[in-house]
Amino acid sequence: QVQLVESGGGLVQPGGSLRLSCAASGSIFNLYTMGWYRQPAGKQRELVARITNVGSTSYVDSVKGRFTISRDNAKNTVYLQMNSLKPEDTAVYYCNALSVLSRGNYWGRGTQVIVSA
């Protein structure tokens, strides 16, 4: 079992930065692939970034060069550093954990990010 709690969202101006955090508890954190998803109001949820148990990363094209996903296994925490934010980045951001062999799939409750002048 894994429990996920996101934090770090808020209101920021275009061009600004935010760092989202996802704190995990309840299982062996370093055996999970971690991901950040986002869902703008009225739209479908999309995968933004993913990091595997061995540190391999991937990103949706729209955030490449601006966002960075990382993990600190000692702290059971995953981060999403978001730079050069655009109004199109406005969404609720969700943390996801997928276990090795897909024996578990867990979601946080989300944190709101608003990018507005």
N, C-alpha and C. Protein backbone atom coordinates (compact mmCIF):
# COMPACT_ATOMS: atom_id res chain seq x y z
N GLN A 1 0.83 -1.19 0.00
CA GLN A 1 0.00 0.00 0.00
C GLN A 1 0.88 1.25 0.00
N VAL A 2 0.44 2.26 -0.74
CA VAL A 2 1.13 3.53 -0.83
C VAL A 2 0.11 4.65 -0.66
N GLN A 3 0.46 5.63 0.13
CA GLN A 3 -0.32 6.86 0.24
C GLN A 3 0.51 8.02 -0.29
N LEU A 4 -0.12 8.89 -1.07
CA LEU A 4 0.57 9.98 -1.73
C LEU A 4 -0.09 11.30 -1.36
N VAL A 5 0.73 12.30 -1.05
CA VAL A 5 0.24 13.62 -0.70
C VAL A 5 1.04 14.65 -1.48
N GLU A 6 0.34 15.40 -2.35
CA GLU A 6 0.98 16.45 -3.13
C GLU A 6 0.97 17.77 -2.38
N SER A 7 1.95 18.61 -2.70
CA SER A 7 2.00 19.96 -2.15
C SER A 7 2.80 20.84 -3.10
N GLY A 8 2.73 22.14 -2.89
CA GLY A 8 3.52 23.08 -3.65
C GLY A 8 2.79 23.85 -4.73
N GLY A 9 1.53 23.54 -4.95
CA GLY A 9 0.77 24.27 -5.94
C GLY A 9 0.43 25.67 -5.47
N GLY A 10 -0.11 26.45 -6.39
CA GLY A 10 -0.48 27.81 -6.06
C GLY A 10 -0.66 28.66 -7.29
N LEU A 11 -0.72 29.95 -7.08
CA LEU A 11 -0.88 30.94 -8.14
C LEU A 11 0.47 31.55 -8.48
N VAL A 12 0.80 31.58 -9.76
CA VAL A 12 2.08 32.11 -10.21
C VAL A 12 1.89 32.87 -11.51
N GLN A 13 2.73 33.87 -11.75
CA GLN A 13 2.67 34.63 -12.99
C GLN A 13 3.28 33.85 -14.14
N PRO A 14 2.85 34.11 -15.37
CA PRO A 14 3.53 33.51 -16.52
C PRO A 14 5.02 33.81 -16.49
N GLY A 15 5.82 32.80 -16.81
CA GLY A 15 7.26 32.91 -16.73
C GLY A 15 7.85 32.56 -15.39
N GLY A 16 7.01 32.39 -14.39
CA GLY A 16 7.47 32.05 -13.06
C GLY A 16 7.71 30.57 -12.89
N SER A 17 8.03 30.18 -11.65
CA SER A 17 8.38 28.81 -11.34
C SER A 17 7.65 28.32 -10.10
N LEU A 18 7.42 27.02 -10.06
CA LEU A 18 6.90 26.32 -8.90
C LEU A 18 7.58 24.97 -8.80
N ARG A 19 7.68 24.45 -7.59
CA ARG A 19 8.15 23.09 -7.38
C ARG A 19 7.09 22.31 -6.63
N LEU A 20 6.57 21.28 -7.26
CA LEU A 20 5.61 20.39 -6.64
C LEU A 20 6.33 19.25 -5.95
N SER A 21 5.79 18.82 -4.83
CA SER A 21 6.32 17.69 -4.09
C SER A 21 5.24 16.64 -3.91
N CYS A 22 5.65 15.39 -3.88
CA CYS A 22 4.76 14.27 -3.62
C CYS A 22 5.42 13.38 -2.59
N ALA A 23 4.87 13.36 -1.40
CA ALA A 23 5.40 12.55 -0.32
C ALA A 23 4.67 11.22 -0.26
N ALA A 24 5.43 10.14 -0.27
CA ALA A 24 4.87 8.79 -0.27
C ALA A 24 5.13 8.10 1.05
N SER A 25 4.20 7.26 1.45
CA SER A 25 4.36 6.47 2.66
C SER A 25 3.63 5.15 2.50
N GLY A 26 4.01 4.17 3.31
CA GLY A 26 3.27 2.93 3.39
C GLY A 26 3.83 1.73 2.65
N SER A 27 4.90 1.92 1.84
CA SER A 27 5.46 0.81 1.09
C SER A 27 6.92 1.07 0.78
N ILE A 28 7.48 0.27 -0.13
CA ILE A 28 8.88 0.41 -0.52
C ILE A 28 8.94 1.37 -1.70
N PHE A 29 9.27 2.62 -1.41
CA PHE A 29 9.18 3.69 -2.40
C PHE A 29 10.06 3.44 -3.61
N ASN A 30 11.27 2.95 -3.42
CA ASN A 30 12.22 2.86 -4.52
C ASN A 30 11.91 1.74 -5.51
N LEU A 31 10.84 1.00 -5.33
CA LEU A 31 10.41 -0.02 -6.29
C LEU A 31 9.30 0.48 -7.21
N TYR A 32 8.93 1.73 -7.11
CA TYR A 32 7.83 2.30 -7.88
C TYR A 32 8.32 3.24 -8.96
N THR A 33 7.66 3.17 -10.11
CA THR A 33 7.74 4.24 -11.09
C THR A 33 6.78 5.35 -10.66
N MET A 34 7.27 6.57 -10.65
CA MET A 34 6.48 7.71 -10.21
C MET A 34 6.17 8.62 -11.39
N GLY A 35 4.98 9.17 -11.38
CA GLY A 35 4.58 10.07 -12.45
C GLY A 35 3.80 11.26 -11.95
N TRP A 36 3.86 12.32 -12.74
CA TRP A 36 3.01 13.49 -12.54
C TRP A 36 2.04 13.59 -13.71
N TYR A 37 0.77 13.71 -13.40
CA TYR A 37 -0.29 13.93 -14.37
C TYR A 37 -0.92 15.29 -14.09
N ARG A 38 -1.61 15.81 -15.08
CA ARG A 38 -2.35 17.05 -14.86
C ARG A 38 -3.68 17.00 -15.61
N GLN A 39 -4.64 17.74 -15.08
CA GLN A 39 -5.96 17.79 -15.67
C GLN A 39 -6.47 19.23 -15.64
N PRO A 40 -6.43 19.92 -16.78
CA PRO A 40 -7.05 21.25 -16.85
C PRO A 40 -8.56 21.14 -16.69
N ALA A 41 -9.17 22.21 -16.25
CA ALA A 41 -10.62 22.22 -16.08
C ALA A 41 -11.31 21.88 -17.38
N GLY A 42 -12.21 20.92 -17.34
CA GLY A 42 -12.98 20.54 -18.51
C GLY A 42 -12.25 19.70 -19.53
N LYS A 43 -11.02 19.27 -19.23
CA LYS A 43 -10.24 18.49 -20.17
C LYS A 43 -9.81 17.17 -19.54
N GLN A 44 -9.25 16.30 -20.37
CA GLN A 44 -8.81 14.98 -19.91
C GLN A 44 -7.48 15.07 -19.19
N ARG A 45 -7.26 14.11 -18.30
CA ARG A 45 -6.00 14.01 -17.60
C ARG A 45 -4.91 13.51 -18.55
N GLU A 46 -3.72 14.10 -18.45
CA GLU A 46 -2.61 13.69 -19.29
C GLU A 46 -1.36 13.45 -18.44
N LEU A 47 -0.53 12.55 -18.92
CA LEU A 47 0.76 12.29 -18.29
C LEU A 47 1.72 13.42 -18.64
N VAL A 48 2.33 14.02 -17.62
CA VAL A 48 3.26 15.11 -17.82
C VAL A 48 4.70 14.63 -17.78
N ALA A 49 5.04 13.85 -16.77
CA ALA A 49 6.42 13.38 -16.58
C ALA A 49 6.41 12.09 -15.80
N ARG A 50 7.44 11.28 -16.03
CA ARG A 50 7.56 10.00 -15.35
C ARG A 50 9.02 9.73 -15.03
N ILE A 51 9.26 9.08 -13.90
CA ILE A 51 10.61 8.67 -13.52
C ILE A 51 10.54 7.25 -12.98
N THR A 52 11.40 6.38 -13.50
CA THR A 52 11.39 4.98 -13.11
C THR A 52 12.15 4.76 -11.81
N ASN A 53 12.14 3.51 -11.35
CA ASN A 53 12.85 3.17 -10.13
C ASN A 53 14.36 3.33 -10.26
N VAL A 54 14.87 3.32 -11.49
CA VAL A 54 16.31 3.49 -11.69
C VAL A 54 16.66 4.89 -12.20
N GLY A 55 15.68 5.79 -12.24
CA GLY A 55 15.96 7.18 -12.54
C GLY A 55 15.78 7.62 -13.97
N SER A 56 15.28 6.76 -14.85
CA SER A 56 15.01 7.17 -16.23
C SER A 56 13.79 8.08 -16.27
N THR A 57 13.86 9.15 -17.04
CA THR A 57 12.78 10.13 -17.10
C THR A 57 12.20 10.26 -18.49
N SER A 58 10.95 10.69 -18.55
CA SER A 58 10.30 10.99 -19.80
C SER A 58 9.31 12.13 -19.57
N TYR A 59 9.01 12.89 -20.64
CA TYR A 59 8.17 14.06 -20.54
C TYR A 59 7.26 14.17 -21.75
N VAL A 60 6.11 14.76 -21.54
CA VAL A 60 5.27 15.13 -22.66
C VAL A 60 5.95 16.29 -23.39
N ASP A 61 5.78 16.34 -24.71
CA ASP A 61 6.52 17.31 -25.52
C ASP A 61 6.31 18.75 -25.06
N SER A 62 5.12 19.08 -24.61
CA SER A 62 4.80 20.46 -24.28
C SER A 62 5.56 21.01 -23.08
N VAL A 63 6.18 20.14 -22.27
CA VAL A 63 6.92 20.62 -21.10
C VAL A 63 8.40 20.34 -21.18
N LYS A 64 8.87 19.71 -22.23
CA LYS A 64 10.29 19.41 -22.36
C LYS A 64 11.11 20.69 -22.36
N GLY A 65 12.18 20.69 -21.57
CA GLY A 65 13.02 21.86 -21.44
C GLY A 65 12.56 22.84 -20.38
N ARG A 66 11.35 22.66 -19.87
CA ARG A 66 10.82 23.55 -18.84
C ARG A 66 10.60 22.85 -17.50
N PHE A 67 10.17 21.60 -17.54
CA PHE A 67 9.87 20.83 -16.32
C PHE A 67 10.94 19.77 -16.11
N THR A 68 11.20 19.47 -14.84
CA THR A 68 12.14 18.42 -14.47
C THR A 68 11.55 17.58 -13.34
N ILE A 69 11.46 16.28 -13.56
CA ILE A 69 11.02 15.37 -12.52
C ILE A 69 12.24 14.74 -11.85
N SER A 70 12.18 14.58 -10.55
CA SER A 70 13.27 13.97 -9.81
C SER A 70 12.70 13.24 -8.61
N ARG A 71 13.53 12.41 -8.00
CA ARG A 71 13.09 11.68 -6.81
C ARG A 71 14.22 11.61 -5.80
N ASP A 72 13.83 11.63 -4.54
CA ASP A 72 14.75 11.47 -3.44
C ASP A 72 14.26 10.26 -2.65
N ASN A 73 14.86 9.11 -2.91
CA ASN A 73 14.38 7.88 -2.30
C ASN A 73 14.55 7.88 -0.77
N ALA A 74 15.58 8.55 -0.29
CA ALA A 74 15.79 8.62 1.15
C ALA A 74 14.66 9.36 1.85
N LYS A 75 14.03 10.30 1.15
CA LYS A 75 12.92 11.07 1.71
C LYS A 75 11.56 10.59 1.23
N ASN A 76 11.53 9.54 0.41
CA ASN A 76 10.27 9.02 -0.14
C ASN A 76 9.46 10.13 -0.83
N THR A 77 10.15 10.94 -1.61
CA THR A 77 9.53 12.11 -2.20
C THR A 77 9.90 12.24 -3.67
N VAL A 78 8.91 12.63 -4.48
CA VAL A 78 9.10 12.93 -5.89
C VAL A 78 8.79 14.41 -6.10
N TYR A 79 9.55 15.05 -6.98
CA TYR A 79 9.41 16.47 -7.24
C TYR A 79 9.12 16.73 -8.71
N LEU A 80 8.45 17.83 -8.96
CA LEU A 80 8.30 18.34 -10.30
C LEU A 80 8.66 19.82 -10.27
N GLN A 81 9.83 20.14 -10.79
CA GLN A 81 10.26 21.53 -10.91
C GLN A 81 9.70 22.09 -12.21
N MET A 82 8.93 23.16 -12.11
CA MET A 82 8.26 23.75 -13.26
C MET A 82 8.77 25.17 -13.44
N ASN A 83 9.45 25.41 -14.55
CA ASN A 83 9.98 26.71 -14.88
C ASN A 83 9.31 27.26 -16.13
N SER A 84 9.45 28.55 -16.34
CA SER A 84 8.88 29.21 -17.52
C SER A 84 7.42 28.85 -17.71
N LEU A 85 6.66 28.95 -16.65
CA LEU A 85 5.27 28.51 -16.67
C LEU A 85 4.42 29.36 -17.61
N LYS A 86 3.47 28.70 -18.24
CA LYS A 86 2.56 29.31 -19.18
C LYS A 86 1.13 29.16 -18.69
N PRO A 87 0.22 30.03 -19.13
CA PRO A 87 -1.18 29.85 -18.75
C PRO A 87 -1.72 28.47 -19.11
N GLU A 88 -1.23 27.87 -20.18
CA GLU A 88 -1.66 26.54 -20.59
C GLU A 88 -1.27 25.45 -19.60
N ASP A 89 -0.37 25.75 -18.67
CA ASP A 89 0.01 24.79 -17.64
C ASP A 89 -0.98 24.75 -16.49
N THR A 90 -1.93 25.65 -16.46
CA THR A 90 -2.93 25.68 -15.40
C THR A 90 -3.71 24.36 -15.37
N ALA A 91 -3.73 23.72 -14.21
CA ALA A 91 -4.38 22.42 -14.07
C ALA A 91 -4.27 21.97 -12.63
N VAL A 92 -5.01 20.92 -12.31
CA VAL A 92 -4.76 20.17 -11.09
C VAL A 92 -3.71 19.12 -11.40
N TYR A 93 -2.66 19.08 -10.62
CA TYR A 93 -1.56 18.15 -10.83
C TYR A 93 -1.65 17.01 -9.84
N TYR A 94 -1.54 15.78 -10.35
CA TYR A 94 -1.68 14.58 -9.55
C TYR A 94 -0.40 13.76 -9.57
N CYS A 95 -0.06 13.21 -8.43
CA CYS A 95 1.05 12.29 -8.30
C CYS A 95 0.54 10.86 -8.45
N ASN A 96 1.33 10.02 -9.13
CA ASN A 96 0.96 8.63 -9.36
C ASN A 96 2.14 7.72 -9.04
N ALA A 97 1.84 6.57 -8.47
CA ALA A 97 2.85 5.55 -8.17
C ALA A 97 2.41 4.23 -8.77
N LEU A 98 3.29 3.62 -9.57
CA LEU A 98 3.03 2.33 -10.20
C LEU A 98 4.12 1.37 -9.76
N SER A 99 3.72 0.26 -9.17
CA SER A 99 4.68 -0.68 -8.62
C SER A 99 5.31 -1.54 -9.70
N VAL A 100 6.47 -2.10 -9.37
CA VAL A 100 7.07 -3.13 -10.21
C VAL A 100 6.07 -4.28 -10.36
N LEU A 101 5.96 -4.80 -11.59
CA LEU A 101 5.00 -5.84 -11.95
C LEU A 101 3.56 -5.35 -11.91
N SER A 102 3.36 -4.04 -11.77
CA SER A 102 2.03 -3.43 -11.80
C SER A 102 1.10 -4.02 -10.75
N ARG A 103 1.65 -4.35 -9.61
CA ARG A 103 0.84 -4.90 -8.52
C ARG A 103 0.15 -3.82 -7.70
N GLY A 104 0.47 -2.57 -7.95
CA GLY A 104 -0.18 -1.46 -7.28
C GLY A 104 -0.18 -0.23 -8.15
N ASN A 105 -1.24 0.57 -8.05
CA ASN A 105 -1.39 1.80 -8.82
C ASN A 105 -2.12 2.80 -7.92
N TYR A 106 -1.42 3.87 -7.53
CA TYR A 106 -1.94 4.77 -6.51
C TYR A 106 -1.90 6.21 -6.97
N TRP A 107 -2.84 7.00 -6.45
CA TRP A 107 -2.98 8.40 -6.82
C TRP A 107 -3.08 9.28 -5.58
N GLY A 108 -2.50 10.48 -5.68
CA GLY A 108 -2.75 11.51 -4.70
C GLY A 108 -4.04 12.24 -5.00
N ARG A 109 -4.39 13.18 -4.13
CA ARG A 109 -5.62 13.94 -4.29
C ARG A 109 -5.48 15.12 -5.23
N GLY A 110 -4.27 15.54 -5.52
CA GLY A 110 -4.02 16.62 -6.46
C GLY A 110 -3.70 17.93 -5.78
N THR A 111 -3.01 18.80 -6.53
CA THR A 111 -2.72 20.15 -6.08
C THR A 111 -2.92 21.10 -7.24
N GLN A 112 -3.56 22.23 -6.97
CA GLN A 112 -3.94 23.17 -8.02
C GLN A 112 -2.78 24.08 -8.38
N VAL A 113 -2.54 24.22 -9.69
CA VAL A 113 -1.58 25.17 -10.21
C VAL A 113 -2.32 26.13 -11.13
N ILE A 114 -2.20 27.42 -10.86
CA ILE A 114 -2.82 28.45 -11.69
C ILE A 114 -1.74 29.39 -12.17
N VAL A 115 -1.63 29.54 -13.47
CA VAL A 115 -0.66 30.44 -14.08
C VAL A 115 -1.44 31.57 -14.74
N SER A 116 -1.34 32.76 -14.19
CA SER A 116 -2.16 33.86 -14.66
C SER A 116 -1.47 35.19 -14.39
N ALA A 117 -1.59 36.10 -15.35
CA ALA A 117 -1.02 37.43 -15.20
C ALA A 117 -1.89 38.29 -14.29
